[in-house]
Protein backbone atom coordinates (compact mmCIF):
# COMPACT_ATOMS: atom_id res chain seq x y z
CA MET A 1 81.09 150.68 74.95
CA SER A 2 84.15 148.71 75.98
CA LEU A 3 84.27 146.91 79.27
CA GLU A 4 87.03 149.17 80.55
CA ILE A 5 84.99 152.33 79.94
CA LYS A 6 81.88 150.76 81.53
CA ILE A 7 83.88 149.66 84.58
CA GLN A 8 85.38 153.14 84.96
CA ALA A 9 81.93 154.76 84.84
CA ASP A 10 80.50 152.27 87.33
CA LEU A 11 83.51 152.78 89.59
CA LYS A 12 82.90 156.52 89.69
CA THR A 13 79.25 155.95 90.57
CA ALA A 14 80.14 153.49 93.33
CA MET A 15 82.70 155.93 94.75
CA LEU A 16 80.06 158.66 94.95
CA CYS A 17 77.65 156.29 96.71
CA GLN A 18 80.02 154.87 99.29
CA LYS A 19 77.24 152.69 100.66
CA ILE A 20 78.07 150.11 98.00
CA GLU A 21 81.42 148.94 99.38
CA ALA A 22 81.21 145.40 97.95
CA SER A 23 80.56 146.75 94.46
CA LEU A 24 83.41 149.19 94.81
CA ARG A 25 85.84 146.41 95.75
CA ALA A 26 84.63 144.19 92.90
CA LEU A 27 84.94 146.98 90.33
CA ARG A 28 88.43 147.83 91.54
CA ALA A 29 89.45 144.17 91.18
CA VAL A 30 88.11 144.04 87.60
CA LYS A 31 89.81 147.33 86.72
CA SER A 32 93.08 146.02 88.13
CA ALA A 33 92.77 142.81 86.12
CA ILE A 34 92.13 144.80 82.94
CA LEU A 35 95.19 146.98 83.53
CA LEU A 36 97.31 143.93 84.27
CA ALA A 37 96.16 142.18 81.10
CA LYS A 38 96.80 145.29 78.99
CA THR A 39 100.33 145.73 80.31
CA SER A 40 101.34 142.06 80.24
CA GLY A 41 102.39 142.17 76.61
CA ALA A 42 98.99 141.53 75.00
CA GLY A 43 99.53 144.44 72.62
CA GLY A 44 97.86 147.08 74.77
CA GLU A 45 94.25 146.43 73.77
CA LEU A 46 91.89 143.65 74.72
CA SER A 47 89.24 142.28 72.41
CA ALA A 48 85.72 141.67 73.66
CA ASP A 49 86.47 137.94 73.75
CA ASP A 50 89.60 138.52 75.83
CA GLU A 51 87.63 140.69 78.26
CA LEU A 52 84.96 138.01 78.61
CA LYS A 53 87.55 135.28 79.20
CA MET A 54 89.24 137.44 81.82
CA LEU A 55 85.93 138.03 83.65
CA GLN A 56 85.11 134.33 83.56
CA LYS A 57 88.52 133.56 85.03
CA LEU A 58 87.96 136.09 87.84
CA VAL A 59 84.55 134.61 88.63
CA LYS A 60 86.00 131.10 88.72
CA GLN A 61 88.78 132.22 91.08
CA ARG A 62 86.26 133.84 93.44
CA LYS A 63 84.03 130.76 93.48
CA GLU A 64 87.01 128.52 94.25
CA SER A 65 88.06 130.86 97.08
CA ILE A 66 84.55 130.72 98.56
CA GLU A 67 84.62 126.92 98.48
CA ILE A 68 87.99 126.81 100.23
CA TYR A 69 86.89 129.23 102.96
CA GLU A 70 83.69 127.28 103.56
CA LYS A 71 85.56 123.97 103.76
CA GLN A 72 87.92 125.47 106.32
CA GLY A 73 85.02 126.80 108.37
CA ARG A 74 86.01 130.42 107.96
CA GLY A 75 82.89 131.79 106.42
């Protein structure tokens, strides 16, 4: 099962159980990143390696954002 299909299924589940707002936001961000990568001229399809690299990049961005917010005393 490709990452995109898994994300779509998990997104539907999270939407039905609206108690999981953080998961819903995270899944929407991943879905958006997948769509952006597919339409940015990468040929329309992403390999499993490309999907993994994209997820690692998203995780790194989030961790860096957390560090910045904590340094600024926001969180």
